[in-house]
Amino acid sequence: MTDYSFGALRRLVVKIGSALLVDSDGRFARERLDQIAEDIAALHQQGQEVLVVSSGAVAIGCSILDLNRRRARLEELQAAAAAGQVQLVRAWQESLSEHGIRAAQILLTPDDTEVRRRFLNARGTLNKLLELRVIPVINENDTVATDELRYGDNDRLAARVAQLVMADGLVLLSDVDGFYDSDPRGNPEAVHIPLVRDVTDDVLARAGGSGSVLGSGGMRTKLLAARIATHAGCVTVIASGHVDHPLRTLAAGGRCTVFMPEGSPAAIRKQWLAGILEVRGSLRVDAGAQKALESGSSLLPVGLVEVQGDFRRGDAVQLLGPGGRELGRGLASYASEEASAIVGCRSEEIEERLGYRGRSVIVHRDDLVLFGQAGRK
């Protein structure tokens, strides 16, 4: 038994591998994509927020351009990604639209999840799409990525996306129905492991290599992805994508392996924020803003009294109460110069002060922690 409920995962990242969308002869498996889209639509209608990380662009593009993926040079693979991505996103858009759902394409590189300012930009876009009830269809930007600067596989990308949006769940649809104590393809006596609470080095040692000529990842990459996601508080599930309606099957209790985190995404993120040692400045707030922060709200410009220090958007800053006592820490949504210009400003006045329509918050509630919330006095 696993102590999780698939239906309780409010925000869900679903990763679909190349081998599920492209047959071994290079043909696009549109029927399987349609089934997964139907499953996603059912989750969407139940109020769950779904983000799709979809592989397949390079494999589809190699078929379109008549390239041998194993022998292709980097620039040829980049060309294939460009040609295949068009077909891939169009298929998702068409399939989801059959259920009245809009789709949007997001192409990421590691800088978008590893560099703090770009992290905030990417997260802002994804959160807005989810707010608008649009399904983001995400892939690595393979047209510009190089071996020196890329995720390497979409399992890792999916884990970073789950971390980025503070997802409750990550589903890695694979060609196997979970994790085994040895490779089931070579050992018919391999034992399926339904629950893993810690991706240790011993667990990683049991993983084999890639099982498909189309995909870049194997069980090891999925375990590494599970380690990233669970450390961010995200339940991770490895399940087979080769069954009919794989997400429906999973929701009904289908066979899988569940990797459990030690805490929720919000709690773990707040622990991380509380532990940041280097702060670049401080924001002093009035009594009303302090009360709003303590009730779980974001910090608005109207509650800001003073800006100290020299910082850029995304830098960590101290949050100070009216008397100067440190209340907590957060990531600034504005650089110090801009923040100073909107001290005490109402949201509708921001454009007049800055000359452009800026963000409505100085520090978003997801990007701040009060020390009482993190167990710090």
Protein backbone atom coordinates (compact mmCIF):
# COMPACT_ATOMS: atom_id res chain seq x y z
CA MET A 1 0.00 0.00 0.00
CA THR A 2 1.13 3.56 -0.75
CA ASP A 3 0.04 6.49 1.37
CA TYR A 4 -0.89 8.86 -1.44
CA SER A 5 -4.02 9.66 -3.43
CA PHE A 6 -3.66 10.39 -7.14
CA GLY A 7 -6.84 12.46 -7.10
CA ALA A 8 -5.48 14.62 -4.29
CA LEU A 9 -2.52 15.85 -6.39
CA ARG A 10 -3.84 19.33 -7.18
CA ARG A 11 -1.00 20.37 -9.50
CA LEU A 12 0.42 17.60 -11.66
CA VAL A 13 3.31 17.41 -14.14
CA VAL A 14 2.97 14.55 -16.63
CA LYS A 15 6.01 13.52 -18.67
CA ILE A 16 5.49 11.46 -21.83
CA GLY A 17 8.55 9.85 -23.41
CA SER A 18 9.45 9.63 -27.09
CA ALA A 19 8.89 5.87 -27.23
CA LEU A 20 5.22 6.42 -26.31
CA LEU A 21 4.56 8.92 -29.09
CA VAL A 22 6.74 7.57 -31.89
CA ASP A 23 6.77 3.96 -33.05
CA SER A 24 10.06 2.15 -33.62
CA ASP A 25 9.71 2.78 -37.39
CA GLY A 26 9.36 6.53 -36.81
CA ARG A 27 5.59 6.84 -37.24
CA PHE A 28 3.73 9.21 -34.95
CA ALA A 29 1.51 7.28 -32.48
CA ARG A 30 -1.42 9.74 -32.64
CA GLU A 31 -3.92 7.30 -31.11
CA ARG A 32 -1.87 7.02 -27.91
CA LEU A 33 -1.51 10.80 -27.70
CA ASP A 34 -5.28 11.15 -28.10
CA GLN A 35 -5.87 8.71 -25.22
CA ILE A 36 -3.47 10.59 -22.94
CA ALA A 37 -5.09 13.90 -23.92
CA GLU A 38 -8.49 12.44 -23.02
CA ASP A 39 -7.12 11.39 -19.63
CA ILE A 40 -5.64 14.85 -19.09
CA ALA A 41 -8.99 16.42 -19.99
CA ALA A 42 -10.69 14.30 -17.32
CA LEU A 43 -8.19 15.48 -14.69
CA HIS A 44 -8.61 19.05 -15.91
CA GLN A 45 -12.38 18.82 -15.54
CA GLN A 46 -11.95 17.57 -11.97
CA GLY A 47 -10.10 20.77 -11.13
CA GLN A 48 -6.56 19.36 -11.20
CA GLU A 49 -3.93 21.56 -12.84
CA VAL A 50 -1.90 19.65 -15.43
CA LEU A 51 1.37 20.50 -17.14
CA VAL A 52 2.64 18.24 -19.93
CA VAL A 53 6.32 17.62 -20.58
CA SER A 54 6.30 15.96 -23.98
CA SER A 55 9.25 14.35 -25.71
CA GLY A 56 9.13 13.33 -29.34
CA ALA A 57 10.17 16.40 -31.32
CA VAL A 58 13.60 15.08 -32.35
CA ALA A 59 12.27 11.61 -33.17
CA ILE A 60 9.41 13.05 -35.25
CA GLY A 61 11.76 15.52 -36.93
CA CYS A 62 14.25 12.79 -37.86
CA SER A 63 11.41 10.96 -39.59
CA ILE A 64 10.31 14.12 -41.42
CA LEU A 65 13.86 14.99 -42.53
CA ASP A 66 14.88 11.38 -43.17
CA LEU A 67 17.74 11.47 -40.65
CA ASN A 68 19.27 8.60 -38.71
CA ARG A 69 19.12 9.83 -35.12
CA ARG A 70 21.99 7.66 -33.93
CA ARG A 71 24.32 8.98 -36.65
CA ALA A 72 23.07 12.56 -36.89
CA ARG A 73 25.36 15.46 -36.00
CA LEU A 74 24.32 18.09 -33.44
CA GLU A 75 23.15 20.61 -36.05
CA GLU A 76 21.09 17.90 -37.76
CA LEU A 77 19.42 16.98 -34.45
CA GLN A 78 18.70 20.66 -33.84
CA ALA A 79 17.11 20.91 -37.28
CA ALA A 80 15.08 17.79 -36.52
CA ALA A 81 13.91 19.32 -33.24
CA ALA A 82 12.75 22.44 -35.09
CA ALA A 83 10.82 20.42 -37.68
CA GLY A 84 9.40 17.93 -35.21
CA GLN A 85 8.35 20.43 -32.53
CA VAL A 86 5.86 22.03 -34.93
CA GLN A 87 4.15 18.70 -35.54
CA LEU A 88 4.28 17.68 -31.89
CA VAL A 89 2.65 20.82 -30.50
CA ARG A 90 0.08 20.90 -33.28
CA ALA A 91 -0.94 17.35 -32.37
CA TRP A 92 -1.30 18.26 -28.69
CA GLN A 93 -3.23 21.40 -29.56
CA GLU A 94 -5.62 19.53 -31.84
CA SER A 95 -6.14 16.65 -29.44
CA LEU A 96 -6.76 18.83 -26.37
CA SER A 97 -9.06 21.14 -28.33
CA GLU A 98 -11.35 18.17 -28.93
CA HIS A 99 -12.13 18.46 -25.21
CA GLY A 100 -12.45 22.24 -25.21
CA ILE A 101 -8.99 22.78 -23.70
CA ARG A 102 -6.44 25.32 -24.89
CA ALA A 103 -2.74 24.49 -25.10
CA ALA A 104 0.41 26.61 -25.03
CA GLN A 105 3.98 25.76 -26.03
CA ILE A 106 6.85 26.36 -23.59
CA LEU A 107 10.46 25.62 -24.61
CA LEU A 108 13.02 25.68 -21.79
CA THR A 109 16.78 25.58 -21.39
CA PRO A 110 18.56 24.90 -18.07
CA ASP A 111 19.06 28.63 -17.45
CA ASP A 112 15.28 28.99 -17.23
CA THR A 113 15.17 26.79 -14.15
CA GLU A 114 18.66 27.29 -12.70
CA VAL A 115 19.14 31.08 -12.93
CA ARG A 116 16.97 32.72 -10.30
CA ARG A 117 15.65 35.67 -12.35
CA ARG A 118 14.80 33.48 -15.32
CA PHE A 119 13.32 30.93 -12.91
CA LEU A 120 10.90 33.60 -11.69
CA ASN A 121 10.01 34.61 -15.26
CA ALA A 122 9.35 31.03 -16.33
CA ARG A 123 7.33 30.28 -13.22
CA GLY A 124 5.28 33.45 -13.69
CA THR A 125 4.37 32.42 -17.24
CA LEU A 126 3.45 28.87 -16.25
CA ASN A 127 1.38 30.01 -13.27
CA LYS A 128 -0.53 32.48 -15.44
CA LEU A 129 -1.27 29.77 -18.02
CA LEU A 130 -2.61 27.50 -15.26
CA GLU A 131 -4.67 30.36 -13.88
CA LEU A 132 -6.18 30.80 -17.36
CA ARG A 133 -6.91 27.04 -17.49
CA VAL A 134 -4.46 26.49 -20.34
CA ILE A 135 -2.39 23.28 -20.54
CA PRO A 136 1.32 24.10 -20.97
CA VAL A 137 3.05 21.66 -23.33
CA ILE A 138 6.72 21.81 -22.38
CA ASN A 139 9.88 20.54 -24.06
CA GLU A 140 13.56 21.32 -23.97
CA ASN A 141 14.59 23.92 -26.53
CA ASP A 142 16.67 21.45 -28.49
CA THR A 143 17.01 23.84 -31.43
CA VAL A 144 19.54 25.90 -29.45
CA ALA A 145 20.64 23.53 -26.66
CA THR A 146 24.11 21.98 -26.80
CA ASP A 147 25.63 19.02 -25.02
CA GLU A 148 27.39 21.44 -22.69
CA LEU A 149 24.18 23.25 -21.68
CA ARG A 150 21.12 21.05 -21.68
CA TYR A 151 18.99 18.94 -19.37
CA GLY A 152 20.03 15.80 -21.23
CA ASP A 153 16.67 14.08 -20.88
CA ASN A 154 13.07 15.09 -20.31
CA ASP A 155 12.85 13.17 -17.02
CA ARG A 156 15.18 15.73 -15.48
CA LEU A 157 13.35 18.55 -17.27
CA ALA A 158 10.03 17.32 -15.88
CA ALA A 159 11.47 17.21 -12.36
CA ARG A 160 12.77 20.76 -12.71
CA VAL A 161 9.37 21.90 -13.98
CA ALA A 162 7.70 20.22 -10.99
CA GLN A 163 10.15 22.07 -8.73
CA LEU A 164 9.58 25.31 -10.63
CA VAL A 165 5.78 25.35 -10.20
CA MET A 166 5.73 23.67 -6.76
CA ALA A 167 3.78 20.73 -8.18
CA ASP A 168 2.19 18.20 -5.85
CA GLY A 169 2.82 15.31 -8.23
CA LEU A 170 5.08 14.22 -11.08
CA VAL A 171 4.10 11.30 -13.31
CA LEU A 172 6.78 9.74 -15.52
CA LEU A 173 5.04 7.61 -18.13
CA SER A 174 7.50 4.98 -19.23
CA ASP A 175 7.82 1.69 -21.11
CA VAL A 176 7.78 -0.15 -17.75
CA ASP A 177 5.21 -0.13 -14.96
CA GLY A 178 7.57 1.03 -12.23
CA PHE A 179 10.86 0.28 -10.52
CA TYR A 180 12.14 -3.27 -9.97
CA ASP A 181 14.94 -4.70 -7.84
CA SER A 182 16.65 -5.66 -11.12
CA ASP A 183 16.00 -5.16 -14.83
CA PRO A 184 12.77 -7.07 -15.62
CA ARG A 185 13.72 -7.26 -19.30
CA GLY A 186 16.65 -9.50 -18.47
CA ASN A 187 15.40 -11.11 -15.26
CA PRO A 188 11.92 -12.65 -15.22
CA GLU A 189 12.25 -13.02 -11.43
CA ALA A 190 12.68 -9.28 -10.89
CA VAL A 191 10.47 -7.97 -8.07
CA HIS A 192 8.33 -4.88 -8.55
CA ILE A 193 8.80 -2.24 -5.82
CA PRO A 194 5.58 -0.24 -5.28
CA LEU A 195 6.94 2.35 -2.82
CA VAL A 196 10.30 4.08 -2.41
CA ARG A 197 10.85 6.60 0.38
CA ASP A 198 14.42 7.59 -0.42
CA VAL A 199 16.36 7.42 -3.69
CA THR A 200 19.64 6.23 -2.19
CA ASP A 201 22.83 5.32 -4.03
CA ASP A 202 21.87 1.67 -3.52
CA VAL A 203 18.55 2.26 -5.26
CA LEU A 204 20.33 4.03 -8.13
CA ALA A 205 22.76 1.12 -8.49
CA ARG A 206 19.88 -1.19 -9.39
CA ALA A 207 18.87 0.91 -12.40
CA GLY A 208 19.80 -0.11 -15.92
CA GLY A 209 20.34 1.99 -19.04
CA SER A 210 17.99 3.31 -21.67
CA GLY A 211 15.47 0.80 -22.97
CA SER A 212 14.61 2.55 -26.24
CA VAL A 213 16.48 3.68 -29.33
CA LEU A 214 14.14 6.70 -29.45
CA GLY A 215 14.55 7.97 -25.91
CA SER A 216 17.56 9.51 -24.16
CA GLY A 217 16.69 8.30 -20.67
CA GLY A 218 16.38 5.01 -18.82
CA MET A 219 15.40 3.96 -15.31
CA ARG A 220 18.41 5.71 -13.80
CA THR A 221 17.35 9.07 -15.26
CA LYS A 222 13.87 8.52 -13.83
CA LEU A 223 15.28 7.77 -10.40
CA LEU A 224 17.43 10.89 -10.54
CA ALA A 225 14.33 12.86 -11.56
CA ALA A 226 12.44 11.34 -8.63
CA ARG A 227 15.24 12.41 -6.31
CA ILE A 228 15.00 16.03 -7.54
CA ALA A 229 11.21 16.12 -7.34
CA THR A 230 10.85 14.45 -3.94
CA HIS A 231 13.45 16.79 -2.46
CA ALA A 232 11.13 19.58 -3.62
CA GLY A 233 8.17 17.96 -1.83
CA CYS A 234 6.63 16.43 -4.94
CA VAL A 235 5.16 12.90 -5.03
CA THR A 236 6.71 11.10 -8.03
CA VAL A 237 5.15 8.18 -9.89
CA ILE A 238 6.68 5.90 -12.53
CA ALA A 239 4.01 4.07 -14.50
CA SER A 240 3.55 2.40 -17.87
CA GLY A 241 2.38 4.54 -20.74
CA HIS A 242 1.78 1.56 -23.01
CA VAL A 243 -1.56 0.63 -21.45
CA ASP A 244 -4.83 2.09 -22.69
CA HIS A 245 -5.60 5.42 -21.01
CA PRO A 246 -2.53 5.33 -18.74
CA LEU A 247 -3.54 8.22 -16.46
CA ARG A 248 -7.05 6.84 -16.01
CA THR A 249 -5.49 3.48 -15.19
CA LEU A 250 -3.15 5.11 -12.69
CA ALA A 251 -6.01 7.00 -11.02
CA ALA A 252 -7.89 3.72 -10.68
CA GLY A 253 -5.00 2.13 -8.78
CA GLY A 254 -2.94 0.79 -11.67
CA ARG A 255 0.47 -0.71 -11.04
CA CYS A 256 3.26 1.82 -10.53
CA THR A 257 6.07 2.85 -8.22
CA VAL A 258 5.48 5.83 -5.93
CA PHE A 259 8.33 7.92 -4.54
CA MET A 260 7.22 9.82 -1.44
CA PRO A 261 8.65 13.19 -0.30
CA GLU A 262 9.26 14.12 3.32
CA GLY A 263 7.15 17.28 3.18
CA SER A 264 4.90 19.41 0.98
CA PRO A 265 6.34 21.62 -1.81
CA ALA A 266 5.39 24.80 0.08
CA ALA A 267 6.93 23.65 3.38
CA ILE A 268 10.20 22.56 1.76
CA ARG A 269 10.46 25.78 -0.25
CA LYS A 270 9.96 27.87 2.89
CA GLN A 271 12.69 25.90 4.66
CA TRP A 272 15.00 26.69 1.74
CA LEU A 273 14.12 30.39 1.82
CA ALA A 274 14.68 30.57 5.59
CA GLY A 275 18.13 29.03 5.16
CA ILE A 276 19.40 31.52 2.56
CA LEU A 277 22.53 33.08 4.05
CA GLU A 278 23.20 35.84 1.53
CA VAL A 279 20.63 38.64 1.45
CA ARG A 280 21.16 41.69 -0.77
CA GLY A 281 18.88 44.19 0.94
CA SER A 282 15.84 44.72 3.10
CA LEU A 283 12.23 45.83 2.81
CA ARG A 284 10.65 47.53 5.82
CA VAL A 285 6.86 47.29 5.99
CA ASP A 286 4.10 48.99 7.96
CA ALA A 287 1.90 47.37 10.60
CA GLY A 288 -0.88 46.64 8.12
CA ALA A 289 1.49 44.85 5.76
CA GLN A 290 2.97 42.86 8.64
CA LYS A 291 -0.50 41.69 9.61
CA ALA A 292 -1.26 40.77 5.99
CA LEU A 293 2.00 38.82 5.70
CA GLU A 294 1.23 36.92 8.89
CA SER A 295 -2.16 35.97 7.47
CA GLY A 296 -0.53 34.46 4.36
CA SER A 297 -0.70 37.36 1.87
CA SER A 298 1.93 38.68 -0.52
CA LEU A 299 3.77 41.93 0.15
CA LEU A 300 2.18 44.77 -1.83
CA PRO A 301 3.87 48.10 -2.61
CA VAL A 302 1.25 49.97 -0.59
CA GLY A 303 2.57 48.36 2.61
CA LEU A 304 6.21 49.13 1.87
CA VAL A 305 7.84 51.85 4.00
CA GLU A 306 11.54 51.72 3.10
CA VAL A 307 13.94 49.96 0.72
CA GLN A 308 17.56 49.37 1.77
CA GLY A 309 20.47 47.86 -0.16
CA ASP A 310 21.26 47.25 -3.81
CA PHE A 311 19.54 44.17 -5.22
CA ARG A 312 18.13 42.83 -8.45
CA ARG A 313 14.92 41.01 -9.19
CA GLY A 314 15.08 37.49 -7.78
CA ASP A 315 17.61 38.34 -5.07
CA ALA A 316 16.91 37.41 -1.46
CA VAL A 317 15.93 40.26 0.85
CA GLN A 318 15.05 40.63 4.52
CA LEU A 319 11.51 41.56 5.48
CA LEU A 320 11.53 44.00 8.41
CA GLY A 321 8.64 45.02 10.62
CA PRO A 322 7.78 48.65 11.53
CA GLY A 323 10.30 48.63 14.37
CA GLY A 324 13.10 47.09 12.31
CA ARG A 325 12.76 43.50 13.60
CA GLU A 326 13.39 40.87 10.94
CA LEU A 327 10.13 39.09 10.14
CA GLY A 328 11.45 36.76 7.47
CA ARG A 329 12.95 36.61 4.01
CA GLY A 330 11.80 36.54 0.44
CA LEU A 331 12.71 36.89 -3.22
CA ALA A 332 12.21 40.39 -4.57
CA SER A 333 9.95 40.85 -7.57
CA TYR A 334 11.61 44.20 -8.34
CA ALA A 335 15.15 45.54 -8.32
CA SER A 336 15.93 47.95 -5.48
CA GLU A 337 15.72 51.08 -7.67
CA GLU A 338 12.27 50.11 -8.94
CA ALA A 339 11.10 49.05 -5.48
CA SER A 340 12.14 52.44 -4.10
CA ALA A 341 10.07 54.17 -6.78
CA ILE A 342 6.86 52.42 -5.73
CA VAL A 343 7.14 52.64 -1.93
CA GLY A 344 3.62 53.11 -0.57
CA CYS A 345 2.16 52.85 -4.06
CA ARG A 346 -1.24 51.35 -4.83
CA SER A 347 -1.28 48.67 -7.54
CA GLU A 348 -3.15 50.88 -10.01
CA GLU A 349 -0.45 53.56 -9.62
CA ILE A 350 2.54 51.35 -10.46
CA GLU A 351 2.45 52.07 -14.19
CA GLU A 352 2.46 55.84 -13.57
CA ARG A 353 5.44 55.56 -11.20
CA LEU A 354 7.56 53.18 -13.31
CA GLY A 355 6.47 54.03 -16.83
CA TYR A 356 5.36 50.46 -17.49
CA ARG A 357 2.81 48.06 -16.09
CA GLY A 358 4.77 46.16 -13.46
CA ARG A 359 3.95 43.30 -11.14
CA SER A 360 1.35 43.89 -8.45
CA VAL A 361 3.47 42.46 -5.62
CA ILE A 362 6.89 43.27 -4.18
CA VAL A 363 7.34 39.73 -2.82
CA HIS A 364 4.92 36.95 -3.75
CA ARG A 365 3.63 34.79 -0.92
CA ASP A 366 5.16 31.68 -2.57
CA ASP A 367 8.55 33.42 -2.42
CA LEU A 368 8.60 34.45 1.22
CA VAL A 369 8.88 32.85 4.60
CA LEU A 370 8.22 34.29 8.03
CA PHE A 371 10.58 32.82 10.57
CA GLY A 372 7.75 31.44 12.70
CA GLN A 373 6.61 29.44 9.62
CA ALA A 374 10.04 27.84 9.26
CA GLY A 375 10.49 27.03 12.92
CA ARG A 376 13.01 29.81 13.46
CA LYS A 377 12.66 32.27 16.34
